[in-house]
Every structure is written in C-alpha cells, then in structure tokens.
Amino acid sequence: MSLFLNTTVVNAETWSISSGNIYQNILIIVLVVVMLALLASALMVNKAMRSILRITMPEILKEEQVTKIRKKESRKASWNKLLGLRPISEEKDLIIDHEYDGIKELDNPIPIWFNALFYSTMTFAVVYILIYHVFGWGLNQNQEYAQEMEKAEIAKQEYLAQAANLIDESSVVYDESKVAAGHAVFQANCVACHGGAGEGGIGPNLADRFWLHGGEIKDIFKTVKYGVPDKGMVPWEQTLTPGQIAEVSSYIISIRDTKPANPKEPQGTEVTYATADAKATTADSTKVQ
C-alpha cells in the first residue's frame, strides 16, 4: 500500500491524458464522468424544484415571469430612448402637417447618443483651447517637437557612448576628434609616469619614434588596456572605459615627433612611418626598421 502511495506522489506532477500511465488516464476519465454526473444531477434537481413550485406555489413563478418581462421591456425602452426610436403606434403623433405627392414627413427627435456626442465634442474643443492656447498648460506642436528632439539627442549620445565602449584592440582607429578628450585622460592618469608632454619619466618617451611594444594605435590601445606588469605599468581596463582608452591612444598618436623638452632617452625599436603625417590618417601605417 505504501509503495502505491509513493508512486502516486512521485508521478503526480506528470499527470496528463497522454501520460502513458493507464491508471492515471483511468482516474482522469473517472473524474470527468463524476463531474458530468454532478452537473446533470444539479439540472434535474433544479427542474424538479420548479415542478414542485409550479404545483404548490404557482404565484411565485408567475411573479418571477412578470419580473422578467418587465426587465426585458425596461431594457428595450432604455435602448429605444438612447437611439431615439419610437414605436409604430406613435407614428401618427409625429406626422408634420404637410405632405408632397402623398409623402408625409415625421418629426423624429435627434437621438440622445447623437446629442451627447455633439455636445462632448464642443466641450472638448473648449477645454482644448483653454489648456493649449489660453493657459499654456499643454505643449503645442512646436514645443512637442523641441521636446522630442531633446529626447532624441539624449538617446543619440547614449548610443554613441555605448558604441564607443564597444571598441577593442582589433577595431580601434585614430580619430582626430578624440585627441582633446584623450589629452584630458592623459593628464589625469598618465603624466606621473610619462610626463606632461609625453617626454617620459618613470615610463618611456611617447613622443619619439622608439617603441617597446609597437607604435601602431592598435598596439598602443592593447598596451594601455592590458598594461605591462613586468615593467610596472598597470592594466587600465578596470579604470578606463574602452572609449577613454581609444581617446588616449589617439592623443598619443598625435604627439609623435613633437620634440618636448627634456625627453627621456630612446627605448625599444625605432619605427619609420610611411607618410609624413601619419597621425592624420584613420588607420596607422607603420613598418619596423
């Protein structure tokens, strides 16, 4: 007996008509049959009770029937009044005292729903004028347009900021428009090691043609992002966003060959740039001597 109960509890969550368990299917069918039988019994009891009332207290059934008829007539009268309908028996009272070619005209009143709609539109017009053109509580079309443009500009800036943070060392390119922002990032985070003009200090000179880890912007981005722990340079990916790293990388490209005062001695491999103004190109073109 306990084994049967345990099995039933374990499988209770998987009950369905097509569960494949014949006992479960039989139980479901039995429950459906019982519910149908209860419903049929309730209908039969109700019919029997009404038969008893018809014999013992017919006045109750008559009163109930009269009440139903009155409710039905009341609903019909309300509907006809709303639509402005009049019964045919009252048509003679609506005839206007003139006719043409045997045609008579009825003086039907305007339906209530039409009057309600008409006066509601007038009320709406008055309220609209007061709100938008008298008191100025609502925004007119020009104000709504300006508001939507502001929202669109905010959404645009959010998108651009998000797009900027999708940059990595494989997709970064030099962008002259980011140089000023990169200079601010450089001054806030890099001058302690590389000097205010990139002349070098604890870290190497960034304004000459010598590089320890590659001079292309992708190399610079990678170096800033992951750092050089063996040389004491920390990874900045936890402090700066990808957009900020791209900005400071563009700034470092922009200070090539600027010859700052008191430069640190060259370190690494000298790089010769293919064009005289390589920093103005969107993609850095270099080759190692």
Protein backbone atom coordinates (compact mmCIF):
# COMPACT_ATOMS: atom_id res chain seq x y z
CA MET A 1 0.00 0.00 0.00
CA SER A 2 2.81 2.45 0.90
CA LEU A 3 4.60 1.62 -2.35
CA PHE A 4 1.48 2.55 -4.34
CA LEU A 5 1.13 5.88 -2.46
CA ASN A 6 4.81 6.78 -3.02
CA THR A 7 4.50 6.04 -6.72
CA THR A 8 1.38 8.21 -6.96
CA VAL A 9 3.08 11.15 -5.21
CA VAL A 10 6.19 10.97 -7.38
CA ASN A 11 4.20 10.89 -10.62
CA ALA A 12 1.52 13.43 -9.61
CA GLU A 13 3.33 16.32 -11.35
CA THR A 14 3.39 14.49 -14.70
CA TRP A 15 -0.32 13.70 -14.94
CA SER A 16 -1.84 14.23 -18.36
CA ILE A 17 -4.25 12.45 -20.65
CA SER A 18 -1.39 11.26 -22.82
CA SER A 19 0.97 10.46 -19.95
CA GLY A 20 1.21 6.81 -20.97
CA ASN A 21 0.18 5.63 -17.49
CA ILE A 22 -3.11 3.72 -17.82
CA TYR A 23 -4.03 4.21 -14.14
CA GLN A 24 -3.66 7.97 -14.40
CA ASN A 25 -5.75 8.05 -17.58
CA ILE A 26 -8.50 5.97 -15.93
CA LEU A 27 -8.51 8.30 -12.90
CA ILE A 28 -8.86 11.40 -15.11
CA ILE A 29 -11.72 9.81 -17.08
CA VAL A 30 -13.50 8.85 -13.85
CA LEU A 31 -13.17 12.42 -12.52
CA VAL A 32 -14.63 13.86 -15.76
CA VAL A 33 -17.55 11.39 -15.65
CA VAL A 34 -18.24 12.25 -11.99
CA MET A 35 -18.27 16.00 -12.73
CA LEU A 36 -20.67 15.49 -15.66
CA ALA A 37 -22.91 13.34 -13.47
CA LEU A 38 -22.95 16.03 -10.75
CA LEU A 39 -23.87 18.67 -13.33
CA ALA A 40 -26.71 16.52 -14.71
CA SER A 41 -27.94 15.84 -11.17
CA ALA A 42 -27.99 19.56 -10.39
CA LEU A 43 -30.03 20.28 -13.52
CA MET A 44 -32.50 17.52 -12.67
CA VAL A 45 -32.89 18.77 -9.08
CA ASN A 46 -33.49 22.31 -10.37
CA LYS A 47 -36.15 21.03 -12.79
CA ALA A 48 -37.81 19.03 -10.03
CA MET A 49 -37.87 22.02 -7.68
CA ARG A 50 -39.52 24.18 -10.33
CA SER A 51 -42.13 21.45 -10.90
CA ILE A 52 -42.88 21.39 -7.18
CA LEU A 53 -43.18 25.19 -7.10
CA ARG A 54 -45.49 25.12 -10.11
CA ILE A 55 -47.87 22.82 -8.19
CA THR A 56 -47.57 24.18 -4.67
CA MET A 57 -46.85 27.91 -5.19
CA PRO A 58 -47.69 28.90 -8.78
CA GLU A 59 -47.96 32.58 -7.83
CA ILE A 60 -44.18 32.72 -7.21
CA LEU A 61 -43.44 31.50 -10.72
CA LYS A 62 -45.95 33.95 -12.18
CA GLU A 63 -44.37 36.81 -10.26
CA GLU A 64 -40.94 35.74 -11.46
CA GLN A 65 -42.19 35.62 -15.06
CA VAL A 66 -43.76 39.08 -14.75
CA THR A 67 -40.50 40.44 -13.32
CA LYS A 68 -38.52 39.03 -16.25
CA ILE A 69 -40.95 40.59 -18.75
CA ARG A 70 -40.73 43.97 -17.02
CA LYS A 71 -36.94 43.90 -17.02
CA LYS A 72 -36.91 42.99 -20.70
CA GLU A 73 -39.32 45.80 -21.56
CA SER A 74 -37.33 48.24 -19.44
CA ARG A 75 -34.10 47.37 -21.25
CA LYS A 76 -35.85 47.69 -24.60
CA ALA A 77 -37.33 51.08 -23.65
CA SER A 78 -33.94 52.35 -22.48
CA TRP A 79 -32.32 51.20 -25.73
CA ASN A 80 -35.03 52.82 -27.84
CA LYS A 81 -34.70 56.05 -25.89
CA LEU A 82 -30.95 56.08 -26.37
CA LEU A 83 -31.32 55.56 -30.12
CA GLY A 84 -34.30 57.90 -30.39
CA LEU A 85 -36.61 55.18 -31.65
CA ARG A 86 -40.38 55.47 -31.34
CA PRO A 87 -42.89 52.62 -31.68
CA ILE A 88 -45.04 52.42 -34.82
CA SER A 89 -48.13 53.06 -32.71
CA GLU A 90 -46.88 56.59 -32.00
CA GLU A 91 -46.12 57.41 -35.63
CA LYS A 92 -49.40 59.33 -36.06
CA ASP A 93 -48.28 61.77 -33.35
CA LEU A 94 -45.05 62.55 -35.23
CA ILE A 95 -46.53 63.44 -38.62
CA ILE A 96 -45.81 67.03 -39.70
CA ASP A 97 -48.77 68.94 -41.12
CA HIS A 98 -47.65 68.98 -44.73
CA GLU A 99 -47.17 66.43 -47.46
CA TYR A 100 -45.96 66.32 -51.04
CA ASP A 101 -47.08 63.84 -53.65
CA GLY A 102 -48.54 61.64 -50.95
CA ILE A 103 -45.31 61.62 -48.96
CA LYS A 104 -45.55 62.62 -45.32
CA GLU A 105 -42.69 63.64 -43.04
CA LEU A 106 -42.18 62.54 -39.47
CA ASP A 107 -40.82 64.87 -36.82
CA ASN A 108 -38.40 62.40 -35.26
CA PRO A 109 -36.30 63.88 -32.43
CA ILE A 110 -32.49 63.74 -32.58
CA PRO A 111 -31.23 60.62 -30.74
CA ILE A 112 -29.75 61.13 -27.29
CA TRP A 113 -26.46 59.48 -28.28
CA PHE A 114 -26.00 61.93 -31.15
CA ASN A 115 -26.67 64.93 -28.90
CA ALA A 116 -24.29 63.55 -26.30
CA LEU A 117 -21.58 63.08 -28.95
CA PHE A 118 -22.16 66.56 -30.38
CA TYR A 119 -22.02 68.37 -27.05
CA SER A 120 -19.00 66.32 -25.91
CA THR A 121 -17.05 67.49 -29.00
CA MET A 122 -17.95 71.10 -28.20
CA THR A 123 -16.84 70.63 -24.60
CA PHE A 124 -13.60 69.02 -25.76
CA ALA A 125 -12.91 71.95 -28.09
CA VAL A 126 -13.38 74.49 -25.30
CA VAL A 127 -11.16 72.54 -22.90
CA TYR A 128 -8.51 72.09 -25.60
CA ILE A 129 -8.38 75.82 -26.33
CA LEU A 130 -8.10 76.68 -22.65
CA ILE A 131 -5.32 74.15 -21.98
CA TYR A 132 -3.16 74.70 -25.06
CA HIS A 133 -3.86 78.26 -26.20
CA VAL A 134 -5.08 80.24 -23.17
CA PHE A 135 -3.35 78.96 -20.04
CA GLY A 136 -0.47 77.17 -21.78
CA TRP A 137 -0.68 74.09 -19.58
CA GLY A 138 -0.09 71.74 -22.52
CA LEU A 139 2.63 71.64 -25.16
CA ASN A 140 1.86 72.89 -28.65
CA GLN A 141 3.29 71.24 -31.75
CA ASN A 142 6.50 73.29 -31.78
CA GLN A 143 7.13 72.60 -28.11
CA GLU A 144 6.44 68.89 -28.56
CA TYR A 145 8.85 68.83 -31.50
CA ALA A 146 11.58 70.55 -29.46
CA GLN A 147 10.99 68.12 -26.57
CA GLU A 148 11.18 65.08 -28.85
CA MET A 149 14.38 66.41 -30.42
CA GLU A 150 15.94 66.77 -26.98
CA LYS A 151 14.98 63.20 -26.14
CA ALA A 152 16.39 62.02 -29.46
CA GLU A 153 19.67 63.85 -28.81
CA ILE A 154 19.96 62.23 -25.38
CA ALA A 155 19.28 58.82 -26.91
CA LYS A 156 21.85 59.56 -29.62
CA GLN A 157 24.52 60.45 -27.07
CA GLU A 158 23.74 57.32 -25.05
CA TYR A 159 24.05 55.21 -28.18
CA LEU A 160 27.33 56.86 -29.16
CA ALA A 161 28.71 56.36 -25.67
CA GLN A 162 27.70 52.71 -25.76
CA ALA A 163 29.14 52.30 -29.25
CA ALA A 164 32.39 53.91 -28.12
CA ASN A 165 32.72 51.33 -25.37
CA LEU A 166 32.44 48.51 -27.92
CA ILE A 167 35.91 49.38 -29.26
CA ASP A 168 38.78 46.95 -28.68
CA GLU A 169 42.34 46.50 -29.88
CA SER A 170 41.15 44.88 -33.12
CA SER A 171 38.80 47.71 -34.19
CA VAL A 172 40.32 50.91 -32.81
CA VAL A 173 41.41 53.58 -35.33
CA TYR A 174 42.93 57.03 -34.98
CA ASP A 175 40.30 59.75 -34.60
CA GLU A 176 41.46 63.35 -34.54
CA SER A 177 38.19 64.45 -32.92
CA LYS A 178 39.09 62.37 -29.85
CA VAL A 179 42.51 63.96 -29.30
CA ALA A 180 41.26 66.68 -26.93
CA ALA A 181 39.37 64.18 -24.78
CA GLY A 182 42.39 61.88 -24.88
CA HIS A 183 44.61 64.73 -23.67
CA ALA A 184 42.34 65.16 -20.63
CA VAL A 185 42.54 61.43 -19.89
CA PHE A 186 46.32 61.52 -20.32
CA GLN A 187 46.74 64.47 -17.94
CA ALA A 188 44.57 62.79 -15.32
CA ASN A 189 46.21 59.36 -15.41
CA CYS A 190 49.49 59.21 -17.35
CA VAL A 191 51.64 62.27 -16.59
CA ALA A 192 53.09 60.75 -13.42
CA CYS A 193 54.99 58.15 -15.45
CA HIS A 194 55.20 59.63 -18.97
CA GLY A 195 55.45 63.37 -18.29
CA GLY A 196 53.06 66.19 -19.09
CA ALA A 197 54.02 66.28 -22.79
CA GLY A 198 54.80 62.58 -23.17
CA GLU A 199 58.53 63.19 -22.78
CA GLY A 200 58.89 60.21 -20.46
CA GLY A 201 59.86 59.77 -16.84
CA ILE A 202 59.37 56.56 -14.99
CA GLY A 203 57.84 55.29 -18.21
CA PRO A 204 59.24 55.61 -21.74
CA ASN A 205 59.15 58.64 -24.01
CA LEU A 206 55.93 58.61 -26.07
CA ALA A 207 56.84 61.50 -28.38
CA ASP A 208 59.78 59.91 -30.24
CA ARG A 209 59.97 57.12 -32.81
CA PHE A 210 61.05 54.34 -30.46
CA TRP A 211 58.55 51.81 -29.10
CA LEU A 212 58.85 48.85 -26.77
CA HIS A 213 55.53 47.21 -27.61
CA GLY A 214 54.64 48.54 -31.07
CA GLY A 215 53.78 52.01 -32.28
CA GLU A 216 50.52 51.40 -34.13
CA ILE A 217 47.36 52.64 -32.46
CA LYS A 218 46.16 49.08 -32.00
CA ASP A 219 49.41 48.27 -30.18
CA ILE A 220 49.07 51.37 -28.01
CA PHE A 221 45.44 50.52 -27.19
CA LYS A 222 46.45 46.99 -26.24
CA THR A 223 49.35 48.20 -24.07
CA VAL A 224 47.17 50.70 -22.21
CA LYS A 225 44.34 48.21 -21.80
CA TYR A 226 46.31 45.22 -20.50
CA GLY A 227 49.33 47.06 -19.11
CA VAL A 228 52.88 45.71 -18.84
CA PRO A 229 53.11 44.24 -15.34
CA ASP A 230 56.77 43.23 -15.82
CA LYS A 231 57.64 46.89 -16.45
CA GLY A 232 55.43 48.26 -13.70
CA MET A 233 52.60 49.55 -15.94
CA VAL A 234 49.23 48.56 -14.54
CA PRO A 235 46.32 47.45 -16.78
CA TRP A 236 43.90 50.33 -17.22
CA GLU A 237 40.90 48.30 -18.44
CA GLN A 238 39.46 48.31 -14.91
CA THR A 239 39.82 52.09 -14.56
CA LEU A 240 39.18 53.49 -18.04
CA THR A 241 36.37 52.60 -20.42
CA PRO A 242 37.23 51.30 -23.91
CA GLY A 243 36.15 54.69 -25.26
CA GLN A 244 38.59 56.50 -22.96
CA ILE A 245 41.41 54.13 -23.89
CA ALA A 246 40.71 54.84 -27.58
CA GLU A 247 40.80 58.58 -26.85
CA VAL A 248 44.14 58.48 -25.03
CA SER A 249 45.56 56.23 -27.77
CA SER A 250 44.60 58.82 -30.40
CA TYR A 251 46.23 61.51 -28.26
CA ILE A 252 49.48 59.52 -28.02
CA ILE A 253 49.50 59.17 -31.81
CA SER A 254 49.01 62.95 -32.10
CA ILE A 255 52.17 63.82 -30.11
CA ARG A 256 54.58 61.90 -32.34
CA ASP A 257 57.74 63.87 -33.22
CA THR A 258 56.64 66.87 -31.14
CA LYS A 259 60.11 67.01 -29.52
CA PRO A 260 59.14 68.01 -25.95
CA ALA A 261 61.68 69.49 -23.55
CA ASN A 262 63.87 67.15 -21.51
CA PRO A 263 62.97 63.98 -23.40
CA LYS A 264 63.92 60.60 -21.99
CA GLU A 265 66.48 58.60 -23.92
CA PRO A 266 65.03 56.32 -26.64
CA GLN A 267 63.85 52.85 -25.65
CA GLY A 268 62.82 49.96 -27.85
CA THR A 269 62.78 49.73 -31.63
CA GLU A 270 62.70 52.74 -33.95
CA VAL A 271 59.62 52.91 -36.17
CA THR A 272 59.54 54.70 -39.53
CA TYR A 273 56.13 55.95 -40.63
CA ALA A 274 55.04 55.53 -44.23
CA THR A 275 53.63 59.06 -44.54
CA ALA A 276 54.87 62.38 -43.31
CA ASP A 277 51.66 62.99 -41.38
CA ALA A 278 50.64 59.50 -40.29
CA LYS A 279 48.72 60.77 -37.30
CA ALA A 280 46.10 62.36 -39.58
CA THR A 281 45.13 59.04 -41.15
CA THR A 282 42.32 56.90 -39.79
CA ALA A 283 44.46 53.77 -39.81
CA ASP A 284 48.06 53.86 -38.61
CA SER A 285 50.54 52.67 -41.28
CA THR A 286 53.96 51.75 -39.87
CA LYS A 287 56.77 49.42 -40.52
CA VAL A 288 59.60 48.36 -38.19
CA GLN A 289 63.13 49.06 -39.31
